[in-house]
C-alpha atoms as a PDB file:
ATOM      1  CA  MET A   1     -15.297  -3.453  15.357  1.00  0.00           C
ATOM      2  CA  SER A   2     -12.191  -1.290  15.432  1.00  0.00           C
ATOM      3  CA  ASN A   3      -9.688  -1.974  18.176  1.00  0.00           C
ATOM      4  CA  VAL A   4      -7.869   0.817  20.025  1.00  0.00           C
ATOM      5  CA  ILE A   5      -5.676   0.674  23.114  1.00  0.00           C
ATOM      6  CA  SER A   6      -3.886   3.187  25.328  1.00  0.00           C
ATOM      7  CA  LYS A   7      -0.116   2.816  25.423  1.00  0.00           C
ATOM      8  CA  GLU A   8       2.778   4.670  27.026  1.00  0.00           C
ATOM      9  CA  VAL A   9       5.065   6.259  24.428  1.00  0.00           C
ATOM     10  CA  SER A  10       8.453   7.904  24.928  1.00  0.00           C
ATOM     11  CA  CYS A  11       8.754  11.410  23.440  1.00  0.00           C
ATOM     12  CA  PRO A  12      11.651  11.623  20.915  1.00  0.00           C
ATOM     13  CA  ASN A  13      12.270  15.227  22.010  1.00  0.00           C
ATOM     14  CA  CYS A  14      12.334  15.097  25.827  1.00  0.00           C
ATOM     15  CA  ASN A  15      12.088  11.328  26.510  1.00  0.00           C
ATOM     16  CA  ASP A  16       9.127  11.894  28.807  1.00  0.00           C
ATOM     17  CA  ILE A  17       6.399   9.245  28.803  1.00  0.00           C
ATOM     18  CA  SER A  18       2.991  10.143  27.385  1.00  0.00           C
ATOM     19  CA  ASN A  19      -0.189   8.159  26.868  1.00  0.00           C
ATOM     20  CA  ALA A  20      -1.137   7.612  23.236  1.00  0.00           C
ATOM     21  CA  HIS A  21      -4.073   5.938  21.515  1.00  0.00           C
ATOM     22  CA  ILE A  22      -2.865   3.038  19.375  1.00  0.00           C
ATOM     23  CA  TYR A  23      -5.262   1.651  16.786  1.00  0.00           C
ATOM     24  CA  ILE A  24      -4.590  -2.069  16.466  1.00  0.00           C
ATOM     25  CA  SER A  25      -7.195  -2.446  13.734  1.00  0.00           C
ATOM     26  CA  ILE A  26      -9.773  -0.374  11.893  1.00  0.00           C
ATOM     27  CA  ASN A  27     -12.998  -1.727  10.445  1.00  0.00           C
ATOM     28  CA  ALA A  28     -13.853   0.753   7.709  1.00  0.00           C
ATOM     29  CA  THR A  29     -17.275  -0.822   7.173  1.00  0.00           C
ATOM     30  CA  ASN A  30     -18.503  -0.651  10.756  1.00  0.00           C
ATOM     31  CA  ASP A  31     -16.565   2.482  11.753  1.00  0.00           C
ATOM     32  CA  PRO A  32     -16.291   4.639   8.599  1.00  0.00           C
ATOM     33  CA  GLN A  33     -15.424   7.749  10.641  1.00  0.00           C
ATOM     34  CA  PHE A  34     -11.941   6.346  11.184  1.00  0.00           C
ATOM     35  CA  ARG A  35     -11.210   6.116   7.448  1.00  0.00           C
ATOM     36  CA  GLU A  36     -10.676   9.844   6.910  1.00  0.00           C
ATOM     37  CA  ASP A  37      -8.617  10.166  10.078  1.00  0.00           C
ATOM     38  CA  LEU A  38      -6.425   7.355   8.842  1.00  0.00           C
ATOM     39  CA  LEU A  39      -5.945   8.613   5.277  1.00  0.00           C
ATOM     40  CA  SER A  40      -5.154  12.123   6.528  1.00  0.00           C
ATOM     41  CA  GLY A  41      -2.596  10.695   8.951  1.00  0.00           C
ATOM     42  CA  LYS A  42      -4.476  12.022  11.968  1.00  0.00           C
ATOM     43  CA  LEU A  43      -4.558   8.607  13.639  1.00  0.00           C
ATOM     44  CA  PHE A  44      -0.766   8.670  13.799  1.00  0.00           C
ATOM     45  CA  ASP A  45      -0.513  12.147  15.343  1.00  0.00           C
ATOM     46  CA  PHE A  46       1.500  12.340  18.549  1.00  0.00           C
ATOM     47  CA  LYS A  47       1.738  15.227  21.021  1.00  0.00           C
ATOM     48  CA  CYS A  48       3.926  15.074  24.105  1.00  0.00           C
ATOM     49  CA  GLU A  49       2.073  15.886  27.317  1.00  0.00           C
ATOM     50  CA  ASN A  50       5.277  17.305  28.811  1.00  0.00           C
ATOM     51  CA  CYS A  51       7.078  19.445  26.201  1.00  0.00           C
ATOM     52  CA  GLY A  52       4.339  19.817  23.570  1.00  0.00           C
ATOM     53  CA  PHE A  53       6.387  18.163  20.813  1.00  0.00           C
ATOM     54  CA  GLU A  54       4.195  17.115  17.858  1.00  0.00           C
ATOM     55  CA  GLY A  55       4.997  14.431  15.332  1.00  0.00           C
ATOM     56  CA  LYS A  56       3.926  11.192  13.701  1.00  0.00           C
ATOM     57  CA  PHE A  57       4.030   7.853  15.482  1.00  0.00           C
ATOM     58  CA  THR A  58       3.687   5.047  12.953  1.00  0.00           C
ATOM     59  CA  TYR A  59       2.920   1.573  14.232  1.00  0.00           C
ATOM     60  CA  PRO A  60       1.418  -1.732  12.984  1.00  0.00           C
ATOM     61  CA  LEU A  61      -2.227  -1.280  11.984  1.00  0.00           C
ATOM     62  CA  LEU A  62      -4.689  -3.544  10.202  1.00  0.00           C
ATOM     63  CA  TYR A  63      -7.253  -1.914   7.893  1.00  0.00           C
ATOM     64  CA  ASN A  64     -10.303  -4.037   7.113  1.00  0.00           C
ATOM     65  CA  ASP A  65     -12.916  -3.126   4.495  1.00  0.00           C
ATOM     66  CA  MET A  66     -15.611  -5.801   4.702  1.00  0.00           C
ATOM     67  CA  LYS A  67     -17.690  -4.272   1.900  1.00  0.00           C
ATOM     68  CA  LYS A  68     -14.875  -4.158  -0.675  1.00  0.00           C
ATOM     69  CA  ARG A  69     -13.405  -7.384   0.765  1.00  0.00           C
ATOM     70  CA  PHE A  70      -9.798  -6.397   1.368  1.00  0.00           C
ATOM     71  CA  MET A  71      -7.380  -6.015   4.255  1.00  0.00           C
ATOM     72  CA  VAL A  72      -4.178  -3.987   4.323  1.00  0.00           C
ATOM     73  CA  TYR A  73      -1.715  -4.518   7.152  1.00  0.00           C
ATOM     74  CA  LEU A  74       0.745  -1.693   7.802  1.00  0.00           C
ATOM     75  CA  ILE A  75       3.896  -3.052   9.448  1.00  0.00           C
ATOM     76  CA  PRO A  76       6.599  -0.331   9.324  1.00  0.00           C
ATOM     77  CA  GLU A  77       9.718  -1.381   7.378  1.00  0.00           C
ATOM     78  CA  ILE A  78       8.639  -4.997   6.947  1.00  0.00           C
ATOM     79  CA  ASN A  79      10.785  -6.704   4.301  1.00  0.00           C
ATOM     80  CA  ARG A  80       9.036 -10.066   4.058  1.00  0.00           C
ATOM     81  CA  PHE A  81       7.032 -11.034   0.980  1.00  0.00           C
ATOM     82  CA  GLN A  82       4.494 -13.149   2.865  1.00  0.00           C
ATOM     83  CA  LEU A  83       3.126 -13.017   6.391  1.00  0.00           C
ATOM     84  CA  GLU A  84       1.101 -15.781   8.013  1.00  0.00           C
ATOM     85  CA  ASP A  85      -0.604 -14.424  11.112  1.00  0.00           C
ATOM     86  CA  ARG A  86      -2.331 -17.349  12.819  1.00  0.00           C
ATOM     87  CA  THR A  87      -4.338 -15.140  15.156  1.00  0.00           C
ATOM     88  CA  LEU A  88      -5.743 -13.064  12.289  1.00  0.00           C
ATOM     89  CA  GLU A  89      -6.398 -16.132  10.189  1.00  0.00           C
ATOM     90  CA  GLU A  90      -8.378 -17.626  13.050  1.00  0.00           C
ATOM     91  CA  ASP A  91     -10.293 -14.393  13.683  1.00  0.00           C
ATOM     92  CA  TYR A  92     -11.323 -14.147  10.013  1.00  0.00           C
ATOM     93  CA  ARG A  93     -11.490 -17.852   9.171  1.00  0.00           C
ATOM     94  CA  ASN A  94     -15.068 -17.551   7.872  1.00  0.00           C
ATOM     95  CA  LEU A  95     -14.210 -14.856   5.336  1.00  0.00           C
ATOM     96  CA  LYS A  96     -13.410 -16.049   1.820  1.00  0.00           C
ATOM     97  CA  GLY A  97     -12.102 -14.216  -1.205  1.00  0.00           C
ATOM     98  CA  ILE A  98     -10.402 -11.461   0.796  1.00  0.00           C
ATOM     99  CA  LYS A  99      -7.415  -9.678  -0.719  1.00  0.00           C
ATOM    100  CA  LYS A 100      -4.753  -9.399   1.997  1.00  0.00           C
ATOM    101  CA  ARG A 101      -1.670  -7.215   1.677  1.00  0.00           C
ATOM    102  CA  ILE A 102       1.223  -6.067   3.857  1.00  0.00           C
ATOM    103  CA  VAL A 103       2.898  -2.693   3.329  1.00  0.00           C
ATOM    104  CA  PRO A 104       6.019  -1.160   4.927  1.00  0.00           C
ATOM    105  CA  ASP A 105       5.086   2.539   5.002  1.00  0.00           C
ATOM    106  CA  PHE A 106       2.192   4.974   5.236  1.00  0.00           C
ATOM    107  CA  ASN A 107       2.189   6.080   1.576  1.00  0.00           C
ATOM    108  CA  SER A 108       1.966   2.472   0.380  1.00  0.00           C
ATOM    109  CA  PHE A 109      -0.786   1.940   2.935  1.00  0.00           C
ATOM    110  CA  LYS A 110      -2.882   4.754   1.469  1.00  0.00           C
ATOM    111  CA  GLU A 111      -2.195   3.643  -2.085  1.00  0.00           C
ATOM    112  CA  LYS A 112      -3.458   0.106  -1.472  1.00  0.00           C
ATOM    113  CA  ILE A 113      -6.642   1.413   0.119  1.00  0.00           C
ATOM    114  CA  PHE A 114      -7.218   3.830  -2.776  1.00  0.00           C
ATOM    115  CA  ALA A 115      -6.587   1.069  -5.322  1.00  0.00           C
ATOM    116  CA  PHE A 116      -8.938  -1.477  -3.766  1.00  0.00           C
ATOM    117  CA  GLU A 117     -11.647   1.127  -3.148  1.00  0.00           C
ATOM    118  CA  SER A 118     -11.396   1.960  -6.864  1.00  0.00           C
ATOM    119  CA  SER A 119     -11.816  -1.753  -7.710  1.00  0.00           C
ATOM    120  CA  LEU A 120      -8.356  -1.887  -9.285  1.00  0.00           C
ATOM    121  CA  ASP A 121      -6.143  -4.977  -9.335  1.00  0.00           C
ATOM    122  CA  ASP A 122      -3.137  -3.915  -7.258  1.00  0.00           C
ATOM    123  CA  MET A 123      -0.908  -6.435  -9.040  1.00  0.00           C
ATOM    124  CA  ALA A 124      -1.690  -4.882 -12.428  1.00  0.00           C
ATOM    125  CA  LEU A 125      -1.386  -1.471 -10.843  1.00  0.00           C
ATOM    126  CA  GLU A 126       2.131  -2.221  -9.599  1.00  0.00           C
ATOM    127  CA  LEU A 127       3.174  -3.343 -13.077  1.00  0.00           C
ATOM    128  CA  THR A 128       1.665  -0.172 -14.530  1.00  0.00           C
ATOM    129  CA  LYS A 129       3.523   1.979 -12.021  1.00  0.00           C
ATOM    130  CA  TYR A 130       6.762   0.223 -12.883  1.00  0.00           C
ATOM    131  CA  ALA A 131       6.296   0.746 -16.640  1.00  0.00           C
ATOM    132  CA  ILE A 132       5.416   4.420 -16.293  1.00  0.00           C
ATOM    133  CA  GLY A 133       8.295   4.821 -13.836  1.00  0.00           C
ATOM    134  CA  GLU A 134      10.696   3.656 -16.552  1.00  0.00           C
ATOM    135  CA  THR A 135       9.430   6.508 -18.737  1.00  0.00           C
ATOM    136  CA  VAL A 136       9.896   8.989 -15.891  1.00  0.00           C
ATOM    137  CA  ALA A 137      13.461   7.780 -15.354  1.00  0.00           C
ATOM    138  CA  LYS A 138      14.330   8.304 -19.037  1.00  0.00           C
ATOM    139  CA  LYS A 139      12.766  11.763 -19.072  1.00  0.00           C
ATOM    140  CA  ASN A 140      14.882  12.818 -16.115  1.00  0.00           C
ATOM    141  CA  GLY A 141      18.121  11.095 -17.076  1.00  0.00           C
ATOM    142  CA  LEU A 142      17.943   8.592 -14.215  1.00  0.00           C
ATOM    143  CA  SER A 143      18.831   4.922 -14.152  1.00  0.00           C
ATOM    144  CA  ARG A 144      15.631   4.104 -12.278  1.00  0.00           C
ATOM    145  CA  VAL A 145      12.857   5.565 -10.145  1.00  0.00           C
ATOM    146  CA  ASP A 146      12.103   3.631  -6.982  1.00  0.00           C
ATOM    147  CA  GLU A 147       9.352   5.544  -5.219  1.00  0.00           C
ATOM    148  CA  GLY A 148       5.967   6.364  -6.710  1.00  0.00           C
ATOM    149  CA  TYR A 149       2.294   6.204  -5.764  1.00  0.00           C
ATOM    150  CA  LEU A 150      -1.071   6.179  -7.502  1.00  0.00           C
ATOM    151  CA  THR A 151      -2.549   9.681  -7.374  1.00  0.00           C
ATOM    152  CA  GLN A 152      -4.818   9.874 -10.442  1.00  0.00           C
ATOM    153  CA  TYR A 153      -7.495   7.523 -11.670  1.00  0.00           C
ATOM    154  CA  ASN A 154     -10.362   8.418 -13.966  1.00  0.00           C
ATOM    155  CA  ARG A 155     -11.777   5.634 -16.085  1.00  0.00           C
ATOM    156  CA  GLU A 156     -14.180   7.940 -17.935  1.00  0.00           C
ATOM    157  CA  MET A 157     -11.301  10.212 -18.982  1.00  0.00           C
ATOM    158  CA  ASN A 158      -9.142   7.177 -19.820  1.00  0.00           C
ATOM    159  CA  LYS A 159      -6.386   8.327 -17.478  1.00  0.00           C
ATOM    160  CA  ILE A 160      -4.251   6.818 -14.762  1.00  0.00           C
ATOM    161  CA  GLY A 161      -1.317   8.595 -13.145  1.00  0.00           C
ATOM    162  CA  PHE A 162       1.313   8.401 -10.451  1.00  0.00           C
ATOM    163  CA  THR A 163       3.428  10.807  -8.457  1.00  0.00           C
ATOM    164  CA  TYR A 164       7.083   9.763  -8.375  1.00  0.00           C
ATOM    165  CA  PHE A 165       9.789  11.153  -6.131  1.00  0.00           C
ATOM    166  CA  ILE A 166      13.030  11.731  -7.989  1.00  0.00           C
ATOM    167  CA  GLY A 167      16.511  13.112  -7.498  1.00  0.00           C
ATOM    168  CA  GLU A 168      18.467  13.749  -4.337  1.00  0.00           C
ATOM    169  CA  ASN A 169      15.722  15.974  -2.942  1.00  0.00           C
ATOM    170  CA  ASN A 170      12.877  13.567  -3.773  1.00  0.00           C
ATOM    171  CA  GLU A 171      11.099  16.137  -5.910  1.00  0.00           C
ATOM    172  CA  PRO A 172       7.540  15.083  -6.881  1.00  0.00           C
ATOM    173  CA  PHE A 173       7.063  14.330 -10.584  1.00  0.00           C
ATOM    174  CA  VAL A 174       3.560  13.581 -11.861  1.00  0.00           C
ATOM    175  CA  GLN A 175       3.194  11.322 -14.866  1.00  0.00           C
ATOM    176  CA  SER A 176      -0.078  10.100 -16.332  1.00  0.00           C
ATOM    177  CA  ALA A 177      -0.891   7.693 -19.146  1.00  0.00           C
ATOM    178  CA  ARG A 178      -3.833   6.253 -21.000  1.00  0.00           C
ATOM    179  CA  PHE A 179      -5.737   3.538 -19.174  1.00  0.00           C
ATOM    180  CA  GLU A 180      -4.762   0.972 -21.826  1.00  0.00           C
ATOM    181  CA  ILE A 181      -1.406   0.463 -20.126  1.00  0.00           C
ATOM    182  CA  TYR A 182      -3.232  -0.787 -17.043  1.00  0.00           C
ATOM    183  CA  ALA A 183      -5.347  -3.098 -19.225  1.00  0.00           C
ATOM    184  CA  LYS A 184      -2.150  -4.602 -20.665  1.00  0.00           C
ATOM    185  CA  SER A 185      -0.849  -5.121 -17.140  1.00  0.00           C
ATOM    186  CA  VAL A 186      -4.040  -6.993 -16.253  1.00  0.00           C
ATOM    187  CA  LYS A 187      -3.311  -9.435 -19.088  1.00  0.00           C
ATOM    188  CA  ILE A 188       0.229  -9.999 -17.767  1.00  0.00           C
ATOM    189  CA  VAL A 189      -1.198 -10.752 -14.323  1.00  0.00           C
ATOM    190  CA  GLU A 190      -3.657 -13.213 -15.852  1.00  0.00           C
ATOM    191  CA  ALA A 191      -0.800 -14.921 -17.695  1.00  0.00           C
ATOM    192  CA  VAL A 192       1.704 -15.432 -14.881  1.00  0.00           C
ATOM    193  CA  CYS A 193       0.205 -14.585 -11.480  1.00  0.00           C
ATOM    194  CA  ALA A 194      -2.346 -17.340 -10.855  1.00  0.00           C
ATOM    195  CA  ASN A 195      -0.222 -18.849  -8.083  1.00  0.00           C
ATOM    196  CA  ASP A 196       0.381 -15.450  -6.468  1.00  0.00           C
ATOM    197  CA  LYS A 197      -3.354 -14.900  -6.211  1.00  0.00           C
ATOM    198  CA  LYS A 198      -3.764 -18.236  -4.438  1.00  0.00           C
ATOM    199  CA  LEU A 199      -1.205 -17.514  -1.722  1.00  0.00           C
ATOM    200  CA  SER A 200      -2.523 -17.523   1.830  1.00  0.00           C
ATOM    201  CA  GLY A 201      -1.851 -14.889   4.440  1.00  0.00           C
ATOM    202  CA  PHE A 202      -0.749 -11.329   3.722  1.00  0.00           C
ATOM    203  CA  ILE A 203       1.579 -10.690   0.782  1.00  0.00           C
ATOM    204  CA  LYS A 204       3.602  -7.666  -0.318  1.00  0.00           C
ATOM    205  CA  ILE A 205       2.965  -6.478  -3.874  1.00  0.00           C
ATOM    206  CA  ASP A 206       5.584  -3.821  -4.628  1.00  0.00           C
ATOM    207  CA  ARG A 207       8.299  -2.831  -7.120  1.00  0.00           C
ATOM    208  CA  GLU A 208      10.410  -5.897  -6.350  1.00  0.00           C
ATOM    209  CA  TRP A 209       7.394  -8.095  -7.030  1.00  0.00           C
ATOM    210  CA  ALA A 210       6.749  -6.216 -10.294  1.00  0.00           C
ATOM    211  CA  GLU A 211      10.330  -6.737 -11.490  1.00  0.00           C
ATOM    212  CA  ASN A 212      10.115 -10.445 -10.737  1.00  0.00           C
ATOM    213  CA  THR A 213       6.741 -10.757 -12.457  1.00  0.00           C
ATOM    214  CA  LEU A 214       7.947  -9.038 -15.625  1.00  0.00           C
ATOM    215  CA  PHE A 215      10.962 -11.346 -15.692  1.00  0.00           C
ATOM    216  CA  ARG A 216       8.638 -14.363 -15.489  1.00  0.00           C
ATOM    217  CA  TYR A 217       6.384 -12.933 -18.199  1.00  0.00           C
ATOM    218  CA  LYS A 218       9.293 -12.261 -20.587  1.00  0.00           C
ATOM    219  CA  ARG A 219      10.612 -15.772 -20.046  1.00  0.00           C
ATOM    220  CA  LEU A 220       7.136 -17.216 -20.691  1.00  0.00           C
ATOM    221  CA  THR A 221       6.645 -15.282 -23.923  1.00  0.00           C
ATOM    222  CA  HIS A 222      10.168 -16.110 -25.073  1.00  0.00           C
ATOM    223  CA  GLU A 223       9.549 -19.826 -24.559  1.00  0.00           C
ATOM    224  CA  LYS A 224       6.437 -19.601 -26.724  1.00  0.00           C
END
């Protein structure tokens, strides 16, 4: 079941205290109605009972899809690669073969859910995003592009694409590619990521991970 509590929250506009619903966890299989509210951001909506201020209140939230067998744990601004949560491990000790990820922001949260629902390997996906991001950087005369998210996926049309945010104003830039680039990324994951896939707890698969993985892959192929 999904878990929601009532908590007092201080308004950033008037500092008055309001009651807000905080979703500790969401079970997308048992409570599918919460999925759309989450992906739209509605679950994070905040409205002050005193001054009427409206905004977003982002907080730690665990998303559990029992059918697709994955969990994504949103912990705002987390910078750790691996998280061992003993309470969660005990609660889900009977579940095997579950992909578990931690993410630091809402956009990454949505991307992981979209990827796993589409039966994509998020490790290969992160490598694909990195490679396409290098192309975007060259097109726009940039040294690198840090922020981008999966926004297009159509296997029948042989297309996968991402929206990157570039420049000082974080302008959106959409770049798509043939699905073969993802297939190549899958092979890289198979070659060097066996240990990563065996790690326990929640892990963060992001750009930093992709850079490290490509370094390991280049070293492996060079040694051969």
